[in-house]
Amino acid sequence: MKTLCVLVLSVLVSGLSCARTTSVRSRYIISTGADTGRCSYTWHSGDYWGFLAWAILDDPAAASALAVTAGYTPETFPAPGTEITLPLSSEYREAAELRMEAARLVRNATEVRYTHRDLCMQLLRQAAELDNAWSVPVTDITVLLLEEGRTDEALELLAPVSHKNTPAMVLAGIAWRQGDTRRALEHLAEALASDSPPPEVLAAAGIAWSVTGKFQRAGVVLRRLLENPEAPPELRILAIRYAIMLGDR
């Protein structure tokens, strides 16, 4: 069981970095077209459509659509200082500006992740304070804390955002490592509670349910992983391995 725990944890942590997204989906904030106003945003040096789509919409794949709705082709960028409109309600202007400022801090933290650990932590904490509704910097901080063996601090930090996708993954990994299978499975279920859970979540849930005897559930999530052509090859191979094991039962 301990060996499998390490395997599950590796699946969970493999998807974590200073550039991961959260479980908040763009459909909750995107404009329906019926809004009287549109959200304006001032373009900054270093911005690009994928960066905005990742930070604001939690959907990097929406980069092209975001560019088109703003009146640009996906291959062209506004000049720094240009005010553009985003497909959001006008009430989100301040939130969008704060989110992008925090995202730039997270990006800077990513760049020094392995060279200046203290600076990385400082930048992430600044991002978390700037946009306390965003779970990305909080989750990235907890990854650093876990690497230092500061599990209690990580748990305390994750508590307010435990309902979100990536924090739920981290909590599942901590619970599994501590031998609390029930809590680990509960957190995995929370991480799965979205329309399109990340491949890492599907892999972790499939493995956990396989070894705890919940074979039908495991089969469902493993099939979802196998049917995702964009899933990392190593995770699809892992899914095939466990699917074969389930088929032999």
C-alpha atoms as a PDB file:
ATOM      1  CA  MET A   1       0.000   0.000   0.000  1.00  0.00           C
ATOM      2  CA  LYS A   2       2.868   2.380   0.777  1.00  0.00           C
ATOM      3  CA  THR A   3       4.368   1.811  -2.673  1.00  0.00           C
ATOM      4  CA  LEU A   4       1.039   2.542  -4.281  1.00  0.00           C
ATOM      5  CA  CYS A   5       0.744   5.652  -2.137  1.00  0.00           C
ATOM      6  CA  VAL A   6       3.976   6.947  -3.643  1.00  0.00           C
ATOM      7  CA  LEU A   7       2.612   6.182  -7.108  1.00  0.00           C
ATOM      8  CA  VAL A   8      -0.612   8.047  -6.472  1.00  0.00           C
ATOM      9  CA  LEU A   9       1.254  10.982  -4.986  1.00  0.00           C
ATOM     10  CA  SER A  10       3.522  11.130  -8.019  1.00  0.00           C
ATOM     11  CA  VAL A  11       0.455  11.303 -10.249  1.00  0.00           C
ATOM     12  CA  LEU A  12      -1.021  14.072  -8.121  1.00  0.00           C
ATOM     13  CA  VAL A  13       2.125  16.166  -7.873  1.00  0.00           C
ATOM     14  CA  SER A  14       3.146  15.618 -11.502  1.00  0.00           C
ATOM     15  CA  GLY A  15       0.407  18.027 -12.510  1.00  0.00           C
ATOM     16  CA  LEU A  16       1.342  20.715 -10.006  1.00  0.00           C
ATOM     17  CA  SER A  17       3.567  23.663 -10.786  1.00  0.00           C
ATOM     18  CA  CYS A  18       3.429  27.396 -10.683  1.00  0.00           C
ATOM     19  CA  ALA A  19       1.430  27.382 -13.883  1.00  0.00           C
ATOM     20  CA  ARG A  20      -1.491  25.118 -13.143  1.00  0.00           C
ATOM     21  CA  THR A  21      -5.104  26.131 -13.161  1.00  0.00           C
ATOM     22  CA  THR A  22      -7.925  25.769 -10.674  1.00  0.00           C
ATOM     23  CA  SER A  23     -11.343  24.175 -10.907  1.00  0.00           C
ATOM     24  CA  VAL A  24     -13.198  27.444 -11.442  1.00  0.00           C
ATOM     25  CA  ARG A  25     -14.708  27.200 -14.920  1.00  0.00           C
ATOM     26  CA  SER A  26     -15.174  30.084 -17.308  1.00  0.00           C
ATOM     27  CA  ARG A  27     -18.894  29.482 -17.711  1.00  0.00           C
ATOM     28  CA  TYR A  28     -19.440  30.993 -14.275  1.00  0.00           C
ATOM     29  CA  ILE A  29     -18.110  34.407 -15.243  1.00  0.00           C
ATOM     30  CA  ILE A  30     -18.252  34.649 -19.014  1.00  0.00           C
ATOM     31  CA  SER A  31     -20.701  37.137 -20.491  1.00  0.00           C
ATOM     32  CA  THR A  32     -23.838  35.777 -22.123  1.00  0.00           C
ATOM     33  CA  GLY A  33     -24.078  38.709 -24.509  1.00  0.00           C
ATOM     34  CA  ALA A  34     -27.064  40.079 -22.640  1.00  0.00           C
ATOM     35  CA  ASP A  35     -24.912  42.196 -20.361  1.00  0.00           C
ATOM     36  CA  THR A  36     -25.109  45.919 -20.891  1.00  0.00           C
ATOM     37  CA  GLY A  37     -21.362  46.372 -20.446  1.00  0.00           C
ATOM     38  CA  ARG A  38     -18.190  44.566 -21.375  1.00  0.00           C
ATOM     39  CA  CYS A  39     -15.144  44.087 -19.204  1.00  0.00           C
ATOM     40  CA  SER A  40     -12.216  46.246 -20.290  1.00  0.00           C
ATOM     41  CA  TYR A  41      -8.602  45.265 -19.625  1.00  0.00           C
ATOM     42  CA  THR A  42      -5.332  47.110 -20.194  1.00  0.00           C
ATOM     43  CA  TRP A  43      -2.822  44.989 -22.094  1.00  0.00           C
ATOM     44  CA  HIS A  44       0.590  44.622 -20.421  1.00  0.00           C
ATOM     45  CA  SER A  45       3.996  43.814 -21.846  1.00  0.00           C
ATOM     46  CA  GLY A  46       4.456  40.041 -21.764  1.00  0.00           C
ATOM     47  CA  ASP A  47       0.731  39.301 -22.030  1.00  0.00           C
ATOM     48  CA  TYR A  48      -0.522  36.792 -24.575  1.00  0.00           C
ATOM     49  CA  TRP A  49      -3.904  35.238 -25.228  1.00  0.00           C
ATOM     50  CA  GLY A  50      -3.046  31.881 -23.681  1.00  0.00           C
ATOM     51  CA  PHE A  51      -1.825  33.611 -20.540  1.00  0.00           C
ATOM     52  CA  LEU A  52      -5.085  35.555 -20.156  1.00  0.00           C
ATOM     53  CA  ALA A  53      -7.187  32.481 -20.933  1.00  0.00           C
ATOM     54  CA  TRP A  54      -5.295  30.462 -18.309  1.00  0.00           C
ATOM     55  CA  ALA A  55      -5.499  33.072 -15.560  1.00  0.00           C
ATOM     56  CA  ILE A  56      -8.925  34.628 -16.123  1.00  0.00           C
ATOM     57  CA  LEU A  57     -10.951  31.850 -17.751  1.00  0.00           C
ATOM     58  CA  ASP A  58      -9.099  28.840 -16.306  1.00  0.00           C
ATOM     59  CA  ASP A  59      -9.054  27.451 -19.826  1.00  0.00           C
ATOM     60  CA  PRO A  60      -5.868  27.876 -21.929  1.00  0.00           C
ATOM     61  CA  ALA A  61      -7.674  26.235 -24.854  1.00  0.00           C
ATOM     62  CA  ALA A  62      -9.966  29.274 -24.999  1.00  0.00           C
ATOM     63  CA  ALA A  63      -7.098  31.532 -26.067  1.00  0.00           C
ATOM     64  CA  SER A  64      -8.185  31.770 -29.709  1.00  0.00           C
ATOM     65  CA  ALA A  65     -11.805  32.464 -28.841  1.00  0.00           C
ATOM     66  CA  LEU A  66     -10.692  35.105 -26.340  1.00  0.00           C
ATOM     67  CA  ALA A  67      -8.620  36.850 -29.013  1.00  0.00           C
ATOM     68  CA  VAL A  68     -11.473  36.840 -31.528  1.00  0.00           C
ATOM     69  CA  THR A  69     -14.011  38.199 -29.056  1.00  0.00           C
ATOM     70  CA  ALA A  70     -11.566  40.993 -28.236  1.00  0.00           C
ATOM     71  CA  GLY A  71     -11.306  41.863 -31.926  1.00  0.00           C
ATOM     72  CA  TYR A  72      -7.903  40.318 -32.720  1.00  0.00           C
ATOM     73  CA  THR A  73      -6.625  37.250 -34.493  1.00  0.00           C
ATOM     74  CA  PRO A  74      -4.979  34.672 -32.212  1.00  0.00           C
ATOM     75  CA  GLU A  75      -1.610  35.447 -33.813  1.00  0.00           C
ATOM     76  CA  THR A  76      -1.705  39.180 -33.066  1.00  0.00           C
ATOM     77  CA  PHE A  77      -1.291  40.976 -29.752  1.00  0.00           C
ATOM     78  CA  PRO A  78      -2.338  44.495 -28.754  1.00  0.00           C
ATOM     79  CA  ALA A  79       0.409  46.978 -27.982  1.00  0.00           C
ATOM     80  CA  PRO A  80       1.135  47.403 -24.241  1.00  0.00           C
ATOM     81  CA  GLY A  81      -1.208  49.996 -22.794  1.00  0.00           C
ATOM     82  CA  THR A  82      -4.014  49.192 -25.244  1.00  0.00           C
ATOM     83  CA  GLU A  83      -7.421  48.817 -23.642  1.00  0.00           C
ATOM     84  CA  ILE A  84      -9.253  45.736 -24.910  1.00  0.00           C
ATOM     85  CA  THR A  85     -12.601  44.182 -24.033  1.00  0.00           C
ATOM     86  CA  LEU A  86     -12.997  40.710 -22.604  1.00  0.00           C
ATOM     87  CA  PRO A  87     -16.103  38.481 -22.858  1.00  0.00           C
ATOM     88  CA  LEU A  88     -16.967  39.116 -19.229  1.00  0.00           C
ATOM     89  CA  SER A  89     -19.461  41.288 -17.453  1.00  0.00           C
ATOM     90  CA  SER A  90     -18.164  44.812 -16.820  1.00  0.00           C
ATOM     91  CA  GLU A  91     -18.337  44.212 -13.065  1.00  0.00           C
ATOM     92  CA  TYR A  92     -15.308  41.934 -13.341  1.00  0.00           C
ATOM     93  CA  ARG A  93     -12.888  44.612 -14.534  1.00  0.00           C
ATOM     94  CA  GLU A  94     -11.143  45.124 -11.202  1.00  0.00           C
ATOM     95  CA  ALA A  95     -11.076  41.376 -10.527  1.00  0.00           C
ATOM     96  CA  ALA A  96      -9.557  40.712 -13.962  1.00  0.00           C
ATOM     97  CA  GLU A  97      -6.828  43.303 -13.417  1.00  0.00           C
ATOM     98  CA  LEU A  98      -6.003  41.846  -9.995  1.00  0.00           C
ATOM     99  CA  ARG A  99      -6.016  38.299 -11.355  1.00  0.00           C
ATOM    100  CA  MET A 100      -3.584  39.217 -14.131  1.00  0.00           C
ATOM    101  CA  GLU A 101      -1.296  41.052 -11.722  1.00  0.00           C
ATOM    102  CA  ALA A 102      -1.281  37.969  -9.509  1.00  0.00           C
ATOM    103  CA  ALA A 103      -0.724  35.764 -12.563  1.00  0.00           C
ATOM    104  CA  ARG A 104       2.386  37.745 -13.486  1.00  0.00           C
ATOM    105  CA  LEU A 105       3.721  37.160  -9.978  1.00  0.00           C
ATOM    106  CA  VAL A 106       3.016  33.425 -10.318  1.00  0.00           C
ATOM    107  CA  ARG A 107       4.787  33.419 -13.687  1.00  0.00           C
ATOM    108  CA  ASN A 108       7.821  35.105 -12.147  1.00  0.00           C
ATOM    109  CA  ALA A 109       7.761  32.586  -9.313  1.00  0.00           C
ATOM    110  CA  THR A 110       7.742  29.750 -11.826  1.00  0.00           C
ATOM    111  CA  GLU A 111      10.861  31.119 -13.484  1.00  0.00           C
ATOM    112  CA  VAL A 112      12.830  30.991 -10.210  1.00  0.00           C
ATOM    113  CA  ARG A 113      11.237  27.785  -8.917  1.00  0.00           C
ATOM    114  CA  TYR A 114      14.505  25.810  -8.887  1.00  0.00           C
ATOM    115  CA  THR A 115      17.060  28.602  -8.599  1.00  0.00           C
ATOM    116  CA  HIS A 116      15.749  30.972  -5.898  1.00  0.00           C
ATOM    117  CA  ARG A 117      13.333  29.066  -3.699  1.00  0.00           C
ATOM    118  CA  ASP A 118      12.899  31.845  -1.124  1.00  0.00           C
ATOM    119  CA  LEU A 119      12.098  34.377  -3.840  1.00  0.00           C
ATOM    120  CA  CYS A 120       9.665  31.903  -5.403  1.00  0.00           C
ATOM    121  CA  MET A 121       7.833  31.565  -2.088  1.00  0.00           C
ATOM    122  CA  GLN A 122       7.816  35.335  -1.594  1.00  0.00           C
ATOM    123  CA  LEU A 123       6.311  35.965  -5.043  1.00  0.00           C
ATOM    124  CA  LEU A 124       3.650  33.301  -4.512  1.00  0.00           C
ATOM    125  CA  ARG A 125       2.658  34.772  -1.162  1.00  0.00           C
ATOM    126  CA  GLN A 126       2.355  38.207  -2.778  1.00  0.00           C
ATOM    127  CA  ALA A 127       0.117  36.722  -5.472  1.00  0.00           C
ATOM    128  CA  ALA A 128      -2.051  34.972  -2.858  1.00  0.00           C
ATOM    129  CA  GLU A 129      -2.484  38.201  -0.892  1.00  0.00           C
ATOM    130  CA  LEU A 130      -3.266  40.177  -4.031  1.00  0.00           C
ATOM    131  CA  ASP A 131      -5.986  37.792  -5.252  1.00  0.00           C
ATOM    132  CA  ASN A 132      -7.176  35.749  -2.294  1.00  0.00           C
ATOM    133  CA  ALA A 133      -9.965  34.174  -4.381  1.00  0.00           C
ATOM    134  CA  TRP A 134      -7.430  32.377  -6.599  1.00  0.00           C
ATOM    135  CA  SER A 135      -6.280  28.941  -5.489  1.00  0.00           C
ATOM    136  CA  VAL A 136      -3.285  28.661  -7.849  1.00  0.00           C
ATOM    137  CA  PRO A 137      -0.694  30.556  -5.740  1.00  0.00           C
ATOM    138  CA  VAL A 138      -2.032  28.960  -2.552  1.00  0.00           C
ATOM    139  CA  THR A 139      -1.688  25.494  -4.039  1.00  0.00           C
ATOM    140  CA  ASP A 140       1.802  26.217  -5.311  1.00  0.00           C
ATOM    141  CA  ILE A 141       2.842  27.416  -1.859  1.00  0.00           C
ATOM    142  CA  THR A 142       1.574  24.177  -0.336  1.00  0.00           C
ATOM    143  CA  VAL A 143       3.641  22.166  -2.820  1.00  0.00           C
ATOM    144  CA  LEU A 144       6.755  23.960  -1.577  1.00  0.00           C
ATOM    145  CA  LEU A 145       5.716  23.396   2.039  1.00  0.00           C
ATOM    146  CA  LEU A 146       5.139  19.684   1.427  1.00  0.00           C
ATOM    147  CA  GLU A 147       8.567  19.368  -0.160  1.00  0.00           C
ATOM    148  CA  GLU A 148       9.972  20.776   3.088  1.00  0.00           C
ATOM    149  CA  GLY A 149       7.934  18.345   5.188  1.00  0.00           C
ATOM    150  CA  ARG A 150       5.706  21.124   6.595  1.00  0.00           C
ATOM    151  CA  THR A 151       2.480  19.146   6.215  1.00  0.00           C
ATOM    152  CA  ASP A 152       0.530  20.835   9.021  1.00  0.00           C
ATOM    153  CA  GLU A 153       1.176  24.279   7.526  1.00  0.00           C
ATOM    154  CA  ALA A 154       0.133  23.010   4.104  1.00  0.00           C
ATOM    155  CA  LEU A 155      -3.135  21.593   5.470  1.00  0.00           C
ATOM    156  CA  GLU A 156      -3.955  24.846   7.256  1.00  0.00           C
ATOM    157  CA  LEU A 157      -3.277  26.861   4.107  1.00  0.00           C
ATOM    158  CA  LEU A 158      -5.383  24.567   1.912  1.00  0.00           C
ATOM    159  CA  ALA A 159      -8.416  24.464   4.197  1.00  0.00           C
ATOM    160  CA  PRO A 160     -10.207  27.559   2.782  1.00  0.00           C
ATOM    161  CA  VAL A 161      -9.844  26.328  -0.822  1.00  0.00           C
ATOM    162  CA  SER A 162     -10.256  22.590  -0.255  1.00  0.00           C
ATOM    163  CA  HIS A 163     -13.400  22.514  -2.423  1.00  0.00           C
ATOM    164  CA  LYS A 164     -11.421  23.472  -5.527  1.00  0.00           C
ATOM    165  CA  ASN A 165      -9.912  20.995  -7.936  1.00  0.00           C
ATOM    166  CA  THR A 166      -6.148  21.200  -7.478  1.00  0.00           C
ATOM    167  CA  PRO A 167      -6.195  21.798  -3.709  1.00  0.00           C
ATOM    168  CA  ALA A 168      -8.459  18.768  -3.387  1.00  0.00           C
ATOM    169  CA  MET A 169      -5.835  16.746  -5.266  1.00  0.00           C
ATOM    170  CA  VAL A 170      -3.110  17.828  -2.866  1.00  0.00           C
ATOM    171  CA  LEU A 171      -5.287  17.069   0.162  1.00  0.00           C
ATOM    172  CA  ALA A 172      -6.028  13.621  -1.257  1.00  0.00           C
ATOM    173  CA  GLY A 173      -2.321  12.975  -1.580  1.00  0.00           C
ATOM    174  CA  ILE A 174      -1.639  14.082   1.987  1.00  0.00           C
ATOM    175  CA  ALA A 175      -4.463  11.927   3.375  1.00  0.00           C
ATOM    176  CA  TRP A 176      -3.282   8.905   1.379  1.00  0.00           C
ATOM    177  CA  ARG A 177       0.258   9.334   2.612  1.00  0.00           C
ATOM    178  CA  GLN A 178      -1.036   9.513   6.179  1.00  0.00           C
ATOM    179  CA  GLY A 179      -2.975   6.286   5.705  1.00  0.00           C
ATOM    180  CA  ASP A 180      -6.406   7.935   5.828  1.00  0.00           C
ATOM    181  CA  THR A 181      -7.925   6.214   2.803  1.00  0.00           C
ATOM    182  CA  ARG A 182     -11.457   7.432   3.451  1.00  0.00           C
ATOM    183  CA  ARG A 183     -10.465  11.087   3.466  1.00  0.00           C
ATOM    184  CA  ALA A 184      -8.233  10.602   0.441  1.00  0.00           C
ATOM    185  CA  LEU A 185     -11.120   9.158  -1.565  1.00  0.00           C
ATOM    186  CA  GLU A 186     -13.413  11.964  -0.411  1.00  0.00           C
ATOM    187  CA  HIS A 187     -10.957  14.581  -1.627  1.00  0.00           C
ATOM    188  CA  LEU A 188     -10.520  12.754  -4.930  1.00  0.00           C
ATOM    189  CA  ALA A 189     -14.290  12.801  -5.350  1.00  0.00           C
ATOM    190  CA  GLU A 190     -14.191  16.578  -4.799  1.00  0.00           C
ATOM    191  CA  ALA A 191     -11.452  16.924  -7.410  1.00  0.00           C
ATOM    192  CA  LEU A 192     -13.573  14.933  -9.875  1.00  0.00           C
ATOM    193  CA  ALA A 193     -16.604  17.178  -9.365  1.00  0.00           C
ATOM    194  CA  SER A 194     -16.197  19.185 -12.570  1.00  0.00           C
ATOM    195  CA  ASP A 195     -17.183  18.759 -16.198  1.00  0.00           C
ATOM    196  CA  SER A 196     -13.609  18.157 -17.320  1.00  0.00           C
ATOM    197  CA  PRO A 197     -11.350  16.999 -14.487  1.00  0.00           C
ATOM    198  CA  PRO A 198      -7.638  17.048 -15.396  1.00  0.00           C
ATOM    199  CA  PRO A 199      -6.030  13.770 -16.512  1.00  0.00           C
ATOM    200  CA  GLU A 200      -3.998  13.705 -13.290  1.00  0.00           C
ATOM    201  CA  VAL A 201      -7.191  13.571 -11.250  1.00  0.00           C
ATOM    202  CA  LEU A 202      -8.628  10.759 -13.358  1.00  0.00           C
ATOM    203  CA  ALA A 203      -5.409   8.757 -13.057  1.00  0.00           C
ATOM    204  CA  ALA A 204      -5.161   9.230  -9.302  1.00  0.00           C
ATOM    205  CA  ALA A 205      -8.825   8.340  -8.764  1.00  0.00           C
ATOM    206  CA  GLY A 206      -8.563   5.292 -11.026  1.00  0.00           C
ATOM    207  CA  ILE A 207      -5.563   3.957  -9.128  1.00  0.00           C
ATOM    208  CA  ALA A 208      -7.022   4.694  -5.694  1.00  0.00           C
ATOM    209  CA  TRP A 209     -10.361   3.085  -6.511  1.00  0.00           C
ATOM    210  CA  SER A 210      -8.622   0.072  -8.074  1.00  0.00           C
ATOM    211  CA  VAL A 211      -6.664  -0.769  -4.937  1.00  0.00           C
ATOM    212  CA  THR A 212      -9.582  -0.105  -2.594  1.00  0.00           C
ATOM    213  CA  GLY A 213     -11.875  -2.518  -4.421  1.00  0.00           C
ATOM    214  CA  LYS A 214     -14.156   0.021  -6.098  1.00  0.00           C
ATOM    215  CA  PHE A 215     -13.585  -1.562  -9.496  1.00  0.00           C
ATOM    216  CA  GLN A 216     -16.620  -0.182 -11.305  1.00  0.00           C
ATOM    217  CA  ARG A 217     -15.773   3.403 -10.395  1.00  0.00           C
ATOM    218  CA  ALA A 218     -12.154   2.803 -11.304  1.00  0.00           C
ATOM    219  CA  GLY A 219     -13.144   1.460 -14.701  1.00  0.00           C
ATOM    220  CA  VAL A 220     -15.279   4.522 -15.451  1.00  0.00           C
ATOM    221  CA  VAL A 221     -12.578   7.096 -14.717  1.00  0.00           C
ATOM    222  CA  LEU A 222      -9.850   5.069 -16.413  1.00  0.00           C
ATOM    223  CA  ARG A 223     -11.960   4.880 -19.573  1.00  0.00           C
ATOM    224  CA  ARG A 224     -12.431   8.645 -19.438  1.00  0.00           C
ATOM    225  CA  LEU A 225      -8.666   9.026 -19.239  1.00  0.00           C
ATOM    226  CA  LEU A 226      -8.070   6.652 -22.144  1.00  0.00           C
ATOM    227  CA  GLU A 227     -10.628   8.488 -24.257  1.00  0.00           C
ATOM    228  CA  ASN A 228      -8.856  11.815 -23.753  1.00  0.00           C
ATOM    229  CA  PRO A 229      -6.420  12.277 -26.665  1.00  0.00           C
ATOM    230  CA  GLU A 230      -4.818  15.255 -24.918  1.00  0.00           C
ATOM    231  CA  ALA A 231      -3.879  13.302 -21.776  1.00  0.00           C
ATOM    232  CA  PRO A 232      -0.123  12.859 -21.234  1.00  0.00           C
ATOM    233  CA  PRO A 233       1.079   9.573 -22.786  1.00  0.00           C
ATOM    234  CA  GLU A 234       2.514   8.333 -19.490  1.00  0.00           C
ATOM    235  CA  LEU A 235      -0.871   8.690 -17.800  1.00  0.00           C
ATOM    236  CA  ARG A 236      -2.689   6.918 -20.639  1.00  0.00           C
ATOM    237  CA  ILE A 237      -0.168   4.059 -20.403  1.00  0.00           C
ATOM    238  CA  LEU A 238      -0.785   3.941 -16.661  1.00  0.00           C
ATOM    239  CA  ALA A 239      -4.538   3.817 -17.331  1.00  0.00           C
ATOM    240  CA  ILE A 240      -4.080   0.920 -19.772  1.00  0.00           C
ATOM    241  CA  ARG A 241      -2.059  -0.975 -17.197  1.00  0.00           C
ATOM    242  CA  TYR A 242      -4.733  -0.667 -14.520  1.00  0.00           C
ATOM    243  CA  ALA A 243      -7.553  -1.263 -16.995  1.00  0.00           C
ATOM    244  CA  ILE A 244      -5.923  -4.580 -17.898  1.00  0.00           C
ATOM    245  CA  MET A 245      -5.616  -5.440 -14.225  1.00  0.00           C
ATOM    246  CA  LEU A 246      -9.322  -4.712 -13.756  1.00  0.00           C
ATOM    247  CA  GLY A 247     -10.185  -6.833 -16.783  1.00  0.00           C
ATOM    248  CA  ASP A 248      -8.406  -9.806 -15.276  1.00  0.00           C
ATOM    249  CA  ARG A 249     -10.584  -9.730 -12.170  1.00  0.00           C
END
